[in-house]
């Protein structure tokens, strides 16, 4: 069982930085890295919406935020994911085509998935690893919102396969598709798996884990359905079974990971215990929950996280593990009247 032993503010709204959403967390070379999509305007796709980061050695005191990826003209950046592969700190994000001078908020419509590496001094040049493609016959952007996994793969160049949980999105047409982005040559080249069969539902924001025995499970959010959905693969992510609805209710993004000591941890908003009839992100994105599983398929809610943030729209979790503790990050508003999230919160979970 886990307990939420500490909550901290990683980023608070400030002059010139009043938007902060879809955060990510990782431990690399003796310090924590947090990153998020952010900018001065409290709206999605505002002027100078970039990928921002902060660092900390102890998870309590954080540096001032600094940009690690900035958009070109008529583009805004979305959905950063930080992850460690071997000795490298990696960053993926969506380079979405949108003119921030427009008064309307940005819609995710068209753009590639970008990969960059940190060498200890600077970030590498941007590399496209997944082009935009069609989703249900409509042009769609390619992005990732959860960490990849690495599995053993016989025949692969370095004996392992990198698997990124990929989504295709077009907000205008409200289309969604999920797949896996695969690399068997150490990240030099990537290819897209078969799309996840959905029996008519539009699934997005996937998270992937390797199950005991080598099968994969992908957990996803659905449009117009509050349940978490799951699809499994028996061949390393090449093909996927038709997605099925789980018993877990979640109106937002789900993050799931394998624990180093065995078992799995899922972080999500527990809609089951939200007041009946609640609507909107403030009322529904609450009860941030850690759920545990031995097999990666049956999860049992274990503890609530940062209940003091209920009523502020806490959501979009990401996690990393360090020395037996789980460190999570979420976004929320500093005031319920604020339109979009403008804070990053950190959470420490410990086994009890």
Protein backbone atom coordinates (compact mmCIF):
# COMPACT_ATOMS: atom_id res chain seq x y z
CA UNK A 1 0.00 0.00 0.00
CA UNK A 2 1.04 3.60 -0.66
CA UNK A 3 0.59 6.81 1.27
CA UNK A 4 0.83 10.36 -0.02
CA UNK A 5 3.45 11.77 2.36
CA UNK A 6 4.18 15.16 0.83
CA UNK A 7 2.88 17.68 -1.72
CA UNK A 8 4.86 20.63 -3.08
CA UNK A 9 4.39 23.44 -5.58
CA UNK A 10 6.81 23.09 -8.48
CA UNK A 11 5.56 26.12 -10.41
CA UNK A 12 3.19 28.85 -9.24
CA UNK A 13 1.66 31.41 -11.61
CA UNK A 14 3.76 34.52 -12.05
CA UNK A 15 3.89 37.58 -14.25
CA UNK A 16 4.81 36.38 -17.71
CA UNK A 17 4.00 32.74 -16.94
CA UNK A 18 0.31 32.16 -16.23
CA UNK A 19 -0.32 28.91 -18.12
CA UNK A 20 1.06 25.52 -17.06
CA UNK A 21 -0.40 22.20 -18.18
CA UNK A 22 0.35 18.59 -19.14
CA UNK A 23 3.43 18.32 -16.90
CA UNK A 24 6.05 15.56 -16.84
CA UNK A 25 8.64 14.44 -14.28
CA UNK A 26 11.87 12.42 -14.35
CA UNK A 27 15.02 11.80 -12.28
CA UNK A 28 18.28 12.22 -14.19
CA UNK A 29 21.91 12.49 -13.05
CA UNK A 30 21.19 13.42 -9.45
CA UNK A 31 18.28 15.79 -9.92
CA UNK A 32 14.62 15.90 -10.78
CA UNK A 33 13.50 17.48 -14.02
CA UNK A 34 9.95 18.78 -14.44
CA UNK A 35 8.56 20.14 -17.71
CA UNK A 36 5.23 21.44 -18.99
CA UNK A 37 3.59 23.36 -21.83
CA UNK A 38 3.37 26.95 -20.67
CA UNK A 39 3.35 30.60 -21.52
CA UNK A 40 2.35 34.09 -20.43
CA UNK A 41 -1.30 33.88 -21.51
CA UNK A 42 -3.79 31.71 -19.61
CA UNK A 43 -5.08 29.91 -22.69
CA UNK A 44 -4.04 27.03 -24.89
CA UNK A 45 -2.02 28.21 -27.85
CA UNK A 46 -1.25 31.68 -26.55
CA UNK A 47 1.73 33.75 -27.58
CA UNK A 48 5.07 32.14 -26.75
CA UNK A 49 3.55 28.84 -25.63
CA UNK A 50 6.68 26.73 -25.30
CA UNK A 51 8.04 23.79 -23.33
CA UNK A 52 9.31 24.98 -19.95
CA UNK A 53 11.31 23.13 -17.32
CA UNK A 54 12.53 23.40 -13.73
CA UNK A 55 15.03 21.30 -11.76
CA UNK A 56 15.47 20.23 -8.15
CA UNK A 57 17.86 18.06 -6.18
CA UNK A 58 15.43 17.32 -3.33
CA UNK A 59 11.94 17.71 -4.92
CA UNK A 60 11.12 20.49 -2.43
CA UNK A 61 13.01 23.51 -3.75
CA UNK A 62 12.78 24.14 -7.49
CA UNK A 63 14.66 26.38 -9.87
CA UNK A 64 12.99 29.20 -11.74
CA UNK A 65 11.41 27.87 -14.94
CA UNK A 66 13.38 28.07 -18.17
CA UNK A 67 12.42 27.20 -21.78
CA UNK A 68 13.83 24.00 -23.27
CA UNK A 69 11.92 24.09 -26.59
CA UNK A 70 10.47 27.17 -28.27
CA UNK A 71 8.08 27.42 -31.22
CA UNK A 72 8.71 28.84 -34.65
CA UNK A 73 6.33 31.34 -36.23
CA UNK A 74 2.67 30.24 -36.29
CA UNK A 75 3.37 27.14 -34.20
CA UNK A 76 2.75 26.30 -30.54
CA UNK A 77 4.20 23.39 -28.58
CA UNK A 78 2.16 20.80 -26.68
CA UNK A 79 2.48 17.67 -24.56
CA UNK A 80 6.08 17.35 -23.34
CA UNK A 81 7.23 13.97 -22.06
CA UNK A 82 10.57 13.55 -20.27
CA UNK A 83 12.15 10.08 -20.04
CA UNK A 84 15.51 8.45 -19.54
CA UNK A 85 16.92 5.89 -21.95
CA UNK A 86 20.32 4.53 -21.05
CA UNK A 87 22.48 7.54 -20.28
CA UNK A 88 20.29 10.02 -22.14
CA UNK A 89 17.61 12.44 -21.01
CA UNK A 90 14.98 12.51 -23.76
CA UNK A 91 12.16 14.91 -24.53
CA UNK A 92 9.24 14.47 -26.91
CA UNK A 93 6.59 17.06 -27.72
CA UNK A 94 4.04 18.01 -30.38
CA UNK A 95 4.93 20.88 -32.74
CA UNK A 96 1.38 22.00 -33.52
CA UNK A 97 0.58 24.38 -36.37
CA UNK A 98 -1.36 27.33 -34.95
CA UNK A 99 -1.08 31.10 -35.15
CA UNK A 100 -0.97 32.36 -31.53
CA UNK A 101 -2.15 35.77 -32.75
CA UNK A 102 -5.59 34.25 -33.24
CA UNK A 103 -8.04 35.13 -30.49
CA UNK A 104 -9.37 31.57 -30.29
CA UNK A 105 -7.60 28.90 -28.28
CA UNK A 106 -5.40 26.48 -30.14
CA UNK A 107 -6.85 23.30 -31.56
CA UNK A 108 -4.59 20.31 -32.04
CA UNK A 109 -4.94 19.72 -35.77
CA UNK A 110 -1.67 19.01 -37.55
CA UNK A 111 1.93 18.61 -36.47
CA UNK A 112 4.75 16.09 -35.98
CA UNK A 113 6.08 14.38 -32.86
CA UNK A 114 9.53 15.80 -32.05
CA UNK A 115 12.40 14.11 -30.17
CA UNK A 116 15.39 15.87 -28.57
CA UNK A 117 18.22 14.73 -26.27
CA UNK A 118 20.06 16.53 -23.47
CA UNK A 119 23.84 16.02 -23.38
CA UNK A 120 24.42 17.76 -20.05
CA UNK A 121 25.00 21.15 -21.64
CA UNK A 122 22.43 21.69 -24.38
CA UNK A 123 19.52 20.09 -26.18
CA UNK A 124 20.01 18.43 -29.55
CA UNK A 125 18.35 19.68 -32.70
CA UNK A 126 14.70 18.75 -33.11
CA UNK A 127 14.13 15.42 -34.88
CA UNK A 128 10.75 14.38 -36.26
CA UNK A 129 10.03 10.77 -35.25
CA UNK A 130 6.34 10.57 -36.25
CA UNK A 131 4.72 12.56 -39.02
CA UNK A 132 1.12 13.71 -38.81
CA UNK A 133 -1.24 11.24 -40.44
CA UNK A 134 -4.91 10.52 -40.91
CA UNK A 135 -7.22 9.46 -38.10
CA UNK A 136 -10.56 8.10 -39.23
CA UNK A 137 -9.99 9.73 -42.61
CA UNK A 138 -9.13 13.18 -41.21
CA UNK A 139 -5.64 14.78 -41.09
CA UNK A 140 -4.36 14.57 -37.53
CA UNK A 141 -1.37 15.54 -35.37
CA UNK A 142 0.96 12.92 -33.89
CA UNK A 143 1.78 13.16 -30.20
CA UNK A 144 2.69 11.28 -27.02
CA UNK A 145 1.49 12.18 -23.50
CA UNK A 146 2.99 9.34 -21.44
CA UNK A 147 6.43 7.77 -21.06
CA UNK A 148 7.65 5.02 -23.39
CA UNK A 149 8.81 1.61 -22.24
CA UNK A 150 11.73 -0.57 -23.32
CA UNK A 151 11.24 -4.33 -23.76
CA UNK A 152 13.62 -7.11 -24.72
CA UNK A 153 13.39 -7.96 -28.40
CA UNK A 154 15.28 -10.78 -30.06
CA UNK A 155 16.51 -9.73 -33.48
CA UNK A 156 16.55 -6.06 -32.57
CA UNK A 157 19.85 -4.31 -33.20
CA UNK A 158 20.64 -3.78 -29.51
CA UNK A 159 18.38 -6.53 -28.19
CA UNK A 160 15.59 -4.21 -27.11
CA UNK A 161 12.59 -2.35 -28.51
CA UNK A 162 11.54 1.16 -27.60
CA UNK A 163 7.74 1.56 -27.50
CA UNK A 164 6.08 4.96 -27.35
CA UNK A 165 2.29 5.13 -26.79
CA UNK A 166 1.23 7.24 -29.78
CA UNK A 167 -1.96 9.16 -30.49
CA UNK A 168 -3.35 10.93 -33.54
CA UNK A 169 -5.64 13.90 -32.83
CA UNK A 170 -7.69 16.46 -34.71
CA UNK A 171 -9.71 18.62 -32.31
CA UNK A 172 -11.74 20.27 -35.05
CA UNK A 173 -13.21 16.95 -36.17
CA UNK A 174 -12.97 15.36 -32.69
CA UNK A 175 -11.18 12.32 -34.09
CA UNK A 176 -8.76 10.15 -32.13
CA UNK A 177 -6.60 7.09 -32.88
CA UNK A 178 -4.00 5.23 -30.81
CA UNK A 179 -1.04 3.11 -31.88
CA UNK A 180 2.51 2.30 -30.79
CA UNK A 181 5.61 3.99 -32.18
CA UNK A 182 8.38 1.38 -32.37
CA UNK A 183 12.16 1.51 -32.70
CA UNK A 184 14.40 -1.58 -32.90
CA UNK A 185 17.65 0.23 -33.72
CA UNK A 186 18.36 2.41 -30.70
CA UNK A 187 16.09 5.25 -31.78
CA UNK A 188 17.60 5.94 -35.20
CA UNK A 189 14.38 5.03 -37.01
CA UNK A 190 10.77 4.64 -35.95
CA UNK A 191 7.68 3.01 -37.41
CA UNK A 192 4.03 3.01 -36.43
CA UNK A 193 2.18 -0.14 -35.40
CA UNK A 194 -1.29 -1.16 -36.38
CA UNK A 195 -3.90 1.21 -34.92
CA UNK A 196 -5.74 0.05 -31.81
CA UNK A 197 -9.20 -1.35 -32.79
CA UNK A 198 -11.83 0.60 -30.85
CA UNK A 199 -15.31 -0.79 -31.68
CA UNK A 200 -16.38 2.72 -32.60
CA UNK A 201 -15.00 4.69 -29.65
CA UNK A 202 -12.48 7.50 -30.08
CA UNK A 203 -9.57 6.70 -27.78
CA UNK A 204 -6.60 8.92 -26.92
CA UNK A 205 -3.89 9.79 -24.35
CA UNK A 206 -2.48 6.22 -24.19
CA UNK A 207 -0.11 4.84 -21.55
CA UNK A 208 1.65 1.48 -22.01
CA UNK A 209 3.19 -1.16 -19.72
CA UNK A 210 4.74 -4.60 -20.15
CA UNK A 211 2.81 -7.33 -18.32
CA UNK A 212 4.29 -10.45 -16.70
CA UNK A 213 5.07 -12.88 -19.51
CA UNK A 214 5.80 -10.14 -22.07
CA UNK A 215 2.33 -9.04 -23.19
CA UNK A 216 1.68 -5.31 -23.39
CA UNK A 217 -1.28 -3.36 -22.04
CA UNK A 218 -2.26 0.10 -23.29
CA UNK A 219 -4.60 2.23 -21.16
CA UNK A 220 -6.53 5.04 -22.84
CA UNK A 221 -9.07 7.78 -22.36
CA UNK A 222 -12.24 7.94 -24.49
CA UNK A 223 -14.27 10.76 -25.99
CA UNK A 224 -17.83 10.83 -24.56
CA UNK A 225 -17.12 7.98 -22.15
CA UNK A 226 -15.74 8.33 -18.63
CA UNK A 227 -14.21 4.86 -18.32
CA UNK A 228 -10.56 3.97 -18.79
CA UNK A 229 -10.12 1.62 -21.77
CA UNK A 230 -7.50 -1.09 -22.27
CA UNK A 231 -6.03 -2.93 -25.26
CA UNK A 232 -3.39 -5.69 -25.18
CA UNK A 233 -0.68 -6.76 -27.60
CA UNK A 234 0.88 -10.23 -27.85
CA UNK A 235 3.68 -9.33 -30.29
CA UNK A 236 5.57 -6.41 -28.78
CA UNK A 237 3.18 -3.71 -29.92
CA UNK A 238 2.91 -4.63 -33.62
CA UNK A 239 -0.80 -5.48 -33.37
CA UNK A 240 -3.44 -4.76 -30.75
CA UNK A 241 -6.60 -6.48 -29.58
CA UNK A 242 -9.87 -4.59 -29.67
CA UNK A 243 -9.98 -2.14 -26.77
CA UNK A 244 -12.25 -2.97 -23.85
CA UNK A 245 -13.75 -0.77 -21.16
CA UNK A 246 -12.32 -1.25 -17.65
CA UNK A 247 -14.24 -0.69 -14.43
CA UNK A 248 -12.28 2.45 -13.55
CA UNK A 249 -13.90 5.83 -14.09
CA UNK A 250 -11.63 8.71 -15.03
CA UNK A 251 -12.54 11.99 -16.80
CA UNK A 252 -8.91 12.84 -17.58
CA UNK A 253 -5.53 11.47 -18.49
CA UNK A 254 -4.29 8.19 -16.96
CA UNK A 255 -0.65 7.40 -16.19
CA UNK A 256 0.50 3.86 -15.41
CA UNK A 257 3.95 2.42 -14.75
CA UNK A 258 5.72 -0.76 -13.64
CA UNK A 259 7.33 -0.54 -10.20
CA UNK A 260 10.93 -1.62 -9.71
CA UNK A 261 10.00 -3.93 -6.84
CA UNK A 262 7.22 -5.60 -8.80
CA UNK A 263 3.62 -4.71 -9.51
CA UNK A 264 2.17 -1.62 -11.16
CA UNK A 265 0.91 1.81 -10.18
CA UNK A 266 -1.81 3.82 -11.91
CA UNK A 267 -2.58 7.48 -11.28
CA UNK A 268 -5.94 8.93 -12.35
CA UNK A 269 -8.94 11.02 -11.25
CA UNK A 270 -11.41 8.80 -9.42
CA UNK A 271 -14.74 9.88 -10.87
CA UNK A 272 -16.59 7.11 -9.01
CA UNK A 273 -16.46 9.09 -5.76
CA UNK A 274 -17.15 12.51 -7.27
CA UNK A 275 -20.46 14.17 -6.46
CA UNK A 276 -23.25 12.99 -8.80
CA UNK A 277 -24.03 15.42 -11.58
CA UNK A 278 -20.68 17.21 -11.35
CA UNK A 279 -19.69 18.85 -14.63
CA UNK A 280 -16.68 20.71 -15.98
CA UNK A 281 -12.98 20.19 -15.27
CA UNK A 282 -13.04 21.87 -11.85
CA UNK A 283 -15.74 19.59 -10.43
CA UNK A 284 -14.76 16.39 -12.22
CA UNK A 285 -10.96 16.51 -12.12
CA UNK A 286 -10.52 15.79 -8.43
CA UNK A 287 -9.84 12.77 -6.19
CA UNK A 288 -6.44 12.13 -7.73
CA UNK A 289 -5.90 8.45 -6.96
CA UNK A 290 -3.06 5.93 -6.84
CA UNK A 291 -4.20 2.40 -7.71
CA UNK A 292 -2.06 -0.73 -7.47
CA UNK A 293 -2.00 -4.01 -9.37
CA UNK A 294 0.00 -7.22 -9.27
CA UNK A 295 -0.78 -8.30 -12.84
CA UNK A 296 -1.13 -4.93 -14.60
CA UNK A 297 -4.72 -5.67 -15.58
CA UNK A 298 -6.73 -5.46 -12.35
CA UNK A 299 -6.16 -2.26 -10.40
CA UNK A 300 -7.35 -1.53 -6.88
CA UNK A 301 -7.60 2.10 -5.69
CA UNK A 302 -5.05 2.51 -2.91
CA UNK A 303 -4.88 6.14 -1.74
CA UNK A 304 -5.92 9.65 -2.63
CA UNK A 305 -3.25 12.20 -3.56
CA UNK A 306 -3.24 15.90 -2.62
CA UNK A 307 -6.89 16.16 -1.58
CA UNK A 308 -6.30 19.83 -0.72
CA UNK A 309 -6.20 20.42 -4.49
CA UNK A 310 -9.78 19.17 -4.94
CA UNK A 311 -11.80 22.04 -6.33
CA UNK A 312 -8.89 23.37 -8.39
CA UNK A 313 -9.02 20.94 -11.33
CA UNK A 314 -6.00 18.77 -10.43
CA UNK A 315 -5.22 16.36 -13.29
CA UNK A 316 -2.81 15.15 -15.98
CA UNK A 317 -0.43 13.07 -13.81
CA UNK A 318 3.00 11.76 -14.68
CA UNK A 319 5.32 9.70 -12.45
CA UNK A 320 8.85 8.51 -11.88
CA UNK A 321 10.40 6.26 -9.23
CA UNK A 322 13.50 6.93 -7.14
CA UNK A 323 14.89 4.99 -4.17
CA UNK A 324 11.63 3.24 -3.40
CA UNK A 325 9.42 6.32 -3.60
CA UNK A 326 7.15 7.43 -6.43
CA UNK A 327 7.31 11.09 -7.42
CA UNK A 328 4.30 12.40 -9.33
CA UNK A 329 3.46 15.69 -10.99
CA UNK A 330 0.10 17.22 -11.92
CA UNK A 331 -1.33 20.53 -13.12
CA UNK A 332 -4.08 22.58 -11.47
CA UNK A 333 -5.39 26.10 -11.10
CA UNK A 334 -4.38 28.42 -8.27
CA UNK A 335 -7.97 29.66 -8.13
CA UNK A 336 -11.20 27.97 -9.36
CA UNK A 337 -12.04 31.08 -11.39
CA UNK A 338 -8.94 30.72 -13.57
CA UNK A 339 -9.74 29.48 -17.07
CA UNK A 340 -6.79 27.13 -17.66
CA UNK A 341 -4.31 25.38 -15.31
CA UNK A 342 -1.45 27.62 -14.20
CA UNK A 343 0.35 25.54 -11.54
CA UNK A 344 2.47 22.40 -11.40
CA UNK A 345 2.16 20.34 -8.22
CA UNK A 346 4.52 17.60 -7.02
CA UNK A 347 3.51 14.59 -4.94
CA UNK A 348 5.57 12.02 -3.02
CA UNK A 349 4.21 8.50 -2.51
CA UNK A 350 5.77 5.96 -0.18
CA UNK A 351 4.98 2.32 0.56
CA UNK A 352 3.56 1.76 4.03
